[in-house]
Amino acid sequence: MAEADTNSANQCRALTEDGERCSRPAQDDGFCYQHDKGDPTVSDSQTAETEQEEQEQEQEQEADRDAQSADMATEETTDPGDVDTSDVDEDSDIAGVLAVRQTVQSTAGQIVGHEFDGVSEISPMDDGWRAVVEVVERSAVPDTQDIIGRYEIELGEEGVVQGYRRLDRYRRGDTTAFE
């Protein structure tokens, strides 16, 4: 509130041709370099009303932005682990991205022989699926110095692991290769 009062005290008191308050900064006499006491002015009561209306509009806009942010946040909160993939038909040609992700998460650490860190990519291929995972090949303190290995895991159409290979290694804190 004090900031709004300061702004209005420093704002020119003259009205522009379209009836709006001049937005230029005021000089010592309360007017900007372009206006003077001979110009129509805004009364103190009009100033208070205008400021109150502006504040109400700003609060409404802020509430709208907050509501939109909340809506977007609720849309994106589905945890892949909470998705029920038990209804996926095992005889179907494609098990689905979520089923492949669960398979990769549960087996990547065992297959590669290192601690599983995350799934970077899952993409369908002609004869199955390709997943890129990251594993911690060497832990360090601080963890930004961990050595991370990126591995490609190939899965068949049924989601059965066919093979894997290491694509590259990098320090966790070194992201320049991927930017």
C-alpha atoms as a PDB file:
ATOM      1  CA  MET A   1       0.000   0.000   0.000  1.00  0.00           C
ATOM      2  CA  ALA A   2       2.762   2.429   0.920  1.00  0.00           C
ATOM      3  CA  GLU A   3       4.383   1.740  -2.449  1.00  0.00           C
ATOM      4  CA  ALA A   4       1.163   2.591  -4.300  1.00  0.00           C
ATOM      5  CA  ASP A   5       0.844   5.826  -2.286  1.00  0.00           C
ATOM      6  CA  THR A   6       4.423   6.728  -3.147  1.00  0.00           C
ATOM      7  CA  ASN A   7       3.823   6.008  -6.835  1.00  0.00           C
ATOM      8  CA  SER A   8       0.695   8.169  -6.973  1.00  0.00           C
ATOM      9  CA  ALA A   9       2.442  11.003  -5.129  1.00  0.00           C
ATOM     10  CA  ASN A  10       5.255  10.872  -7.699  1.00  0.00           C
ATOM     11  CA  GLN A  11       2.868  10.610 -10.663  1.00  0.00           C
ATOM     12  CA  CYS A  12       1.728  13.631 -12.640  1.00  0.00           C
ATOM     13  CA  ARG A  13      -1.700  14.925 -11.501  1.00  0.00           C
ATOM     14  CA  ALA A  14      -2.797  15.990 -14.998  1.00  0.00           C
ATOM     15  CA  LEU A  15      -5.342  14.205 -17.145  1.00  0.00           C
ATOM     16  CA  THR A  16      -4.449  13.183 -20.688  1.00  0.00           C
ATOM     17  CA  GLU A  17      -6.659  13.838 -23.731  1.00  0.00           C
ATOM     18  CA  ASP A  18      -8.458  10.511 -23.267  1.00  0.00           C
ATOM     19  CA  GLY A  19      -9.316  11.297 -19.637  1.00  0.00           C
ATOM     20  CA  GLU A  20      -6.723   8.987 -18.080  1.00  0.00           C
ATOM     21  CA  ARG A  21      -4.202  10.130 -15.517  1.00  0.00           C
ATOM     22  CA  CYS A  22      -0.808  11.039 -16.982  1.00  0.00           C
ATOM     23  CA  SER A  23       1.692   8.289 -16.245  1.00  0.00           C
ATOM     24  CA  ARG A  24       4.828  10.443 -16.287  1.00  0.00           C
ATOM     25  CA  PRO A  25       6.741  11.185 -13.083  1.00  0.00           C
ATOM     26  CA  ALA A  26       5.812  14.423 -11.349  1.00  0.00           C
ATOM     27  CA  GLN A  27       8.164  17.262 -10.580  1.00  0.00           C
ATOM     28  CA  ASP A  28       8.065  19.318  -7.365  1.00  0.00           C
ATOM     29  CA  ASP A  29       4.836  21.075  -8.365  1.00  0.00           C
ATOM     30  CA  GLY A  30       2.976  17.734  -8.883  1.00  0.00           C
ATOM     31  CA  PHE A  31       3.029  17.900 -12.688  1.00  0.00           C
ATOM     32  CA  CYS A  32       5.310  16.378 -15.302  1.00  0.00           C
ATOM     33  CA  TYR A  33       7.444  18.360 -17.733  1.00  0.00           C
ATOM     34  CA  GLN A  34       4.556  18.432 -20.239  1.00  0.00           C
ATOM     35  CA  HIS A  35       1.722  19.564 -17.937  1.00  0.00           C
ATOM     36  CA  ASP A  36       1.141  22.451 -15.541  1.00  0.00           C
ATOM     37  CA  LYS A  37      -1.524  23.825 -13.180  1.00  0.00           C
ATOM     38  CA  GLY A  38      -3.607  25.012 -16.144  1.00  0.00           C
ATOM     39  CA  ASP A  39      -4.315  21.425 -17.263  1.00  0.00           C
ATOM     40  CA  PRO A  40      -7.299  19.444 -15.935  1.00  0.00           C
ATOM     41  CA  THR A  41      -6.200  17.424 -12.929  1.00  0.00           C
ATOM     42  CA  VAL A  42      -7.174  14.394 -10.939  1.00  0.00           C
ATOM     43  CA  SER A  43      -8.631  15.138  -7.531  1.00  0.00           C
ATOM     44  CA  ASP A  44      -7.376  13.312  -4.447  1.00  0.00           C
ATOM     45  CA  SER A  45     -10.617  11.317  -4.203  1.00  0.00           C
ATOM     46  CA  GLN A  46     -10.290  10.252  -7.850  1.00  0.00           C
ATOM     47  CA  THR A  47      -6.688   9.242  -7.198  1.00  0.00           C
ATOM     48  CA  ALA A  48      -7.699   7.048  -4.269  1.00  0.00           C
ATOM     49  CA  GLU A  49     -10.512   5.438  -6.291  1.00  0.00           C
ATOM     50  CA  THR A  50      -8.231   4.839  -9.273  1.00  0.00           C
ATOM     51  CA  GLU A  51      -5.542   3.298  -7.088  1.00  0.00           C
ATOM     52  CA  GLN A  52      -8.082   1.054  -5.392  1.00  0.00           C
ATOM     53  CA  GLU A  53      -9.462  -0.103  -8.757  1.00  0.00           C
ATOM     54  CA  GLU A  54      -5.946  -0.799 -10.032  1.00  0.00           C
ATOM     55  CA  GLN A  55      -5.116  -2.812  -6.909  1.00  0.00           C
ATOM     56  CA  GLU A  56      -8.322  -4.839  -7.233  1.00  0.00           C
ATOM     57  CA  GLN A  57      -7.551  -5.575 -10.890  1.00  0.00           C
ATOM     58  CA  GLU A  58      -4.006  -6.675  -9.999  1.00  0.00           C
ATOM     59  CA  GLN A  59      -5.340  -8.952  -7.235  1.00  0.00           C
ATOM     60  CA  GLU A  60      -7.879 -10.510  -9.634  1.00  0.00           C
ATOM     61  CA  GLN A  61      -5.191 -11.117 -12.252  1.00  0.00           C
ATOM     62  CA  GLU A  62      -2.892 -12.653  -9.647  1.00  0.00           C
ATOM     63  CA  ALA A  63      -5.700 -14.916  -8.408  1.00  0.00           C
ATOM     64  CA  ASP A  64      -6.386 -16.004 -11.999  1.00  0.00           C
ATOM     65  CA  ARG A  65      -2.696 -16.824 -12.545  1.00  0.00           C
ATOM     66  CA  ASP A  66      -2.584 -18.788  -9.279  1.00  0.00           C
ATOM     67  CA  ALA A  67      -5.696 -20.741 -10.266  1.00  0.00           C
ATOM     68  CA  GLN A  68      -4.219 -21.570 -13.677  1.00  0.00           C
ATOM     69  CA  SER A  69      -0.961 -22.707 -12.066  1.00  0.00           C
ATOM     70  CA  ALA A  70      -2.869 -24.896  -9.629  1.00  0.00           C
ATOM     71  CA  ASP A  71      -4.877 -26.437 -12.481  1.00  0.00           C
ATOM     72  CA  MET A  72      -1.709 -27.192 -14.423  1.00  0.00           C
ATOM     73  CA  ALA A  73      -0.038 -28.697 -11.359  1.00  0.00           C
ATOM     74  CA  THR A  74      -2.952 -31.042 -10.674  1.00  0.00           C
ATOM     75  CA  GLU A  75      -2.945 -32.213 -14.296  1.00  0.00           C
ATOM     76  CA  GLU A  76       0.718 -33.226 -14.123  1.00  0.00           C
ATOM     77  CA  THR A  77       0.799 -35.084 -10.819  1.00  0.00           C
ATOM     78  CA  THR A  78       0.223 -38.624 -12.078  1.00  0.00           C
ATOM     79  CA  ASP A  79       2.940 -40.869 -10.708  1.00  0.00           C
ATOM     80  CA  PRO A  80       3.861 -43.591 -13.220  1.00  0.00           C
ATOM     81  CA  GLY A  81       4.174 -46.052 -10.336  1.00  0.00           C
ATOM     82  CA  ASP A  82       0.505 -45.477  -9.483  1.00  0.00           C
ATOM     83  CA  VAL A  83      -0.683 -46.439 -12.962  1.00  0.00           C
ATOM     84  CA  ASP A  84      -2.258 -49.883 -13.054  1.00  0.00           C
ATOM     85  CA  THR A  85      -0.630 -51.835 -15.893  1.00  0.00           C
ATOM     86  CA  SER A  86      -2.018 -55.202 -14.805  1.00  0.00           C
ATOM     87  CA  ASP A  87      -4.704 -54.951 -17.445  1.00  0.00           C
ATOM     88  CA  VAL A  88      -2.111 -54.908 -20.241  1.00  0.00           C
ATOM     89  CA  ASP A  89      -2.663 -57.980 -22.396  1.00  0.00           C
ATOM     90  CA  GLU A  90       0.555 -60.050 -22.315  1.00  0.00           C
ATOM     91  CA  ASP A  91      -0.251 -61.483 -25.738  1.00  0.00           C
ATOM     92  CA  SER A  92      -0.475 -58.080 -27.390  1.00  0.00           C
ATOM     93  CA  ASP A  93       2.280 -56.946 -29.725  1.00  0.00           C
ATOM     94  CA  ILE A  94       3.024 -53.753 -27.757  1.00  0.00           C
ATOM     95  CA  ALA A  95       2.968 -53.764 -23.959  1.00  0.00           C
ATOM     96  CA  GLY A  96       2.786 -49.950 -23.731  1.00  0.00           C
ATOM     97  CA  VAL A  97       5.190 -47.318 -22.601  1.00  0.00           C
ATOM     98  CA  LEU A  98       4.246 -47.565 -18.913  1.00  0.00           C
ATOM     99  CA  ALA A  99       4.680 -51.325 -18.844  1.00  0.00           C
ATOM    100  CA  VAL A 100       8.054 -51.008 -20.575  1.00  0.00           C
ATOM    101  CA  ARG A 101       9.063 -48.305 -18.107  1.00  0.00           C
ATOM    102  CA  GLN A 102       8.189 -50.518 -15.142  1.00  0.00           C
ATOM    103  CA  THR A 103      10.115 -53.421 -16.649  1.00  0.00           C
ATOM    104  CA  VAL A 104      13.167 -51.261 -17.265  1.00  0.00           C
ATOM    105  CA  GLN A 105      13.032 -49.708 -13.784  1.00  0.00           C
ATOM    106  CA  SER A 106      12.785 -53.062 -12.053  1.00  0.00           C
ATOM    107  CA  THR A 107      15.512 -54.806 -14.075  1.00  0.00           C
ATOM    108  CA  ALA A 108      18.030 -52.172 -15.242  1.00  0.00           C
ATOM    109  CA  GLY A 109      20.092 -52.220 -12.060  1.00  0.00           C
ATOM    110  CA  GLN A 110      20.295 -56.023 -12.107  1.00  0.00           C
ATOM    111  CA  ILE A 111      21.109 -56.223 -15.814  1.00  0.00           C
ATOM    112  CA  VAL A 112      23.810 -53.564 -15.847  1.00  0.00           C
ATOM    113  CA  GLY A 113      25.116 -54.354 -12.376  1.00  0.00           C
ATOM    114  CA  HIS A 114      24.942 -50.796 -11.002  1.00  0.00           C
ATOM    115  CA  GLU A 115      22.441 -48.732  -9.004  1.00  0.00           C
ATOM    116  CA  PHE A 116      19.515 -47.593 -11.185  1.00  0.00           C
ATOM    117  CA  ASP A 117      19.181 -43.777 -11.410  1.00  0.00           C
ATOM    118  CA  GLY A 118      16.513 -42.997 -14.016  1.00  0.00           C
ATOM    119  CA  VAL A 119      14.909 -43.573 -17.410  1.00  0.00           C
ATOM    120  CA  SER A 120      15.912 -41.008 -20.034  1.00  0.00           C
ATOM    121  CA  GLU A 121      14.048 -42.295 -23.048  1.00  0.00           C
ATOM    122  CA  ILE A 122      11.624 -44.976 -24.207  1.00  0.00           C
ATOM    123  CA  SER A 123      10.840 -45.327 -27.887  1.00  0.00           C
ATOM    124  CA  PRO A 124       9.120 -47.983 -30.003  1.00  0.00           C
ATOM    125  CA  MET A 125      11.082 -49.839 -32.665  1.00  0.00           C
ATOM    126  CA  ASP A 126       9.943 -52.144 -35.454  1.00  0.00           C
ATOM    127  CA  ASP A 127      10.581 -55.249 -33.385  1.00  0.00           C
ATOM    128  CA  GLY A 128      10.071 -54.013 -29.805  1.00  0.00           C
ATOM    129  CA  TRP A 129      11.224 -51.157 -27.617  1.00  0.00           C
ATOM    130  CA  ARG A 130      14.387 -49.150 -26.946  1.00  0.00           C
ATOM    131  CA  ALA A 131      14.996 -47.600 -23.539  1.00  0.00           C
ATOM    132  CA  VAL A 132      17.855 -45.390 -22.420  1.00  0.00           C
ATOM    133  CA  VAL A 133      18.558 -45.574 -18.694  1.00  0.00           C
ATOM    134  CA  GLU A 134      21.071 -44.003 -16.386  1.00  0.00           C
ATOM    135  CA  VAL A 135      22.872 -45.895 -13.647  1.00  0.00           C
ATOM    136  CA  VAL A 136      25.349 -44.750 -11.006  1.00  0.00           C
ATOM    137  CA  GLU A 137      28.602 -46.472 -11.949  1.00  0.00           C
ATOM    138  CA  ARG A 138      30.595 -44.843  -9.160  1.00  0.00           C
ATOM    139  CA  SER A 139      29.221 -42.914  -6.181  1.00  0.00           C
ATOM    140  CA  ALA A 140      31.128 -39.895  -4.925  1.00  0.00           C
ATOM    141  CA  VAL A 141      30.871 -37.129  -2.377  1.00  0.00           C
ATOM    142  CA  PRO A 142      29.503 -34.671  -3.363  1.00  0.00           C
ATOM    143  CA  ASP A 143      27.028 -36.518  -5.566  1.00  0.00           C
ATOM    144  CA  THR A 144      27.657 -34.064  -8.414  1.00  0.00           C
ATOM    145  CA  GLN A 145      30.870 -36.030  -8.928  1.00  0.00           C
ATOM    146  CA  ASP A 146      29.067 -39.391  -9.355  1.00  0.00           C
ATOM    147  CA  ILE A 147      29.952 -41.195 -12.564  1.00  0.00           C
ATOM    148  CA  ILE A 148      26.725 -41.865 -14.462  1.00  0.00           C
ATOM    149  CA  GLY A 149      26.507 -44.419 -17.252  1.00  0.00           C
ATOM    150  CA  ARG A 150      23.870 -44.127 -19.979  1.00  0.00           C
ATOM    151  CA  TYR A 151      22.779 -47.528 -21.267  1.00  0.00           C
ATOM    152  CA  GLU A 152      20.528 -48.546 -24.114  1.00  0.00           C
ATOM    153  CA  ILE A 153      18.311 -51.520 -23.321  1.00  0.00           C
ATOM    154  CA  GLU A 154      16.495 -53.325 -26.110  1.00  0.00           C
ATOM    155  CA  LEU A 155      13.233 -55.091 -25.339  1.00  0.00           C
ATOM    156  CA  GLY A 156      11.183 -57.404 -27.506  1.00  0.00           C
ATOM    157  CA  GLU A 157       7.570 -56.805 -28.435  1.00  0.00           C
ATOM    158  CA  GLU A 158       6.450 -58.558 -25.240  1.00  0.00           C
ATOM    159  CA  GLY A 159       8.713 -56.349 -23.095  1.00  0.00           C
ATOM    160  CA  VAL A 160      11.365 -59.044 -22.553  1.00  0.00           C
ATOM    161  CA  VAL A 161      14.933 -57.708 -22.381  1.00  0.00           C
ATOM    162  CA  GLN A 162      16.896 -58.667 -25.516  1.00  0.00           C
ATOM    163  CA  GLY A 163      20.187 -56.904 -24.760  1.00  0.00           C
ATOM    164  CA  TYR A 164      21.923 -53.758 -23.599  1.00  0.00           C
ATOM    165  CA  ARG A 165      24.967 -51.604 -24.312  1.00  0.00           C
ATOM    166  CA  ARG A 166      26.625 -48.568 -22.733  1.00  0.00           C
ATOM    167  CA  LEU A 167      26.238 -45.386 -24.741  1.00  0.00           C
ATOM    168  CA  ASP A 168      28.468 -43.086 -22.677  1.00  0.00           C
ATOM    169  CA  ARG A 169      29.606 -41.987 -19.225  1.00  0.00           C
ATOM    170  CA  TYR A 170      29.668 -38.578 -17.598  1.00  0.00           C
ATOM    171  CA  ARG A 171      29.879 -36.858 -14.235  1.00  0.00           C
ATOM    172  CA  ARG A 172      26.458 -36.067 -12.788  1.00  0.00           C
ATOM    173  CA  GLY A 173      27.291 -32.355 -12.596  1.00  0.00           C
ATOM    174  CA  ASP A 174      28.552 -32.222 -16.218  1.00  0.00           C
ATOM    175  CA  THR A 175      25.573 -31.507 -18.456  1.00  0.00           C
ATOM    176  CA  THR A 176      27.326 -29.717 -21.307  1.00  0.00           C
ATOM    177  CA  ALA A 177      27.215 -32.763 -23.590  1.00  0.00           C
ATOM    178  CA  PHE A 178      23.384 -32.856 -23.433  1.00  0.00           C
ATOM    179  CA  GLU A 179      22.532 -29.134 -23.765  1.00  0.00           C
END
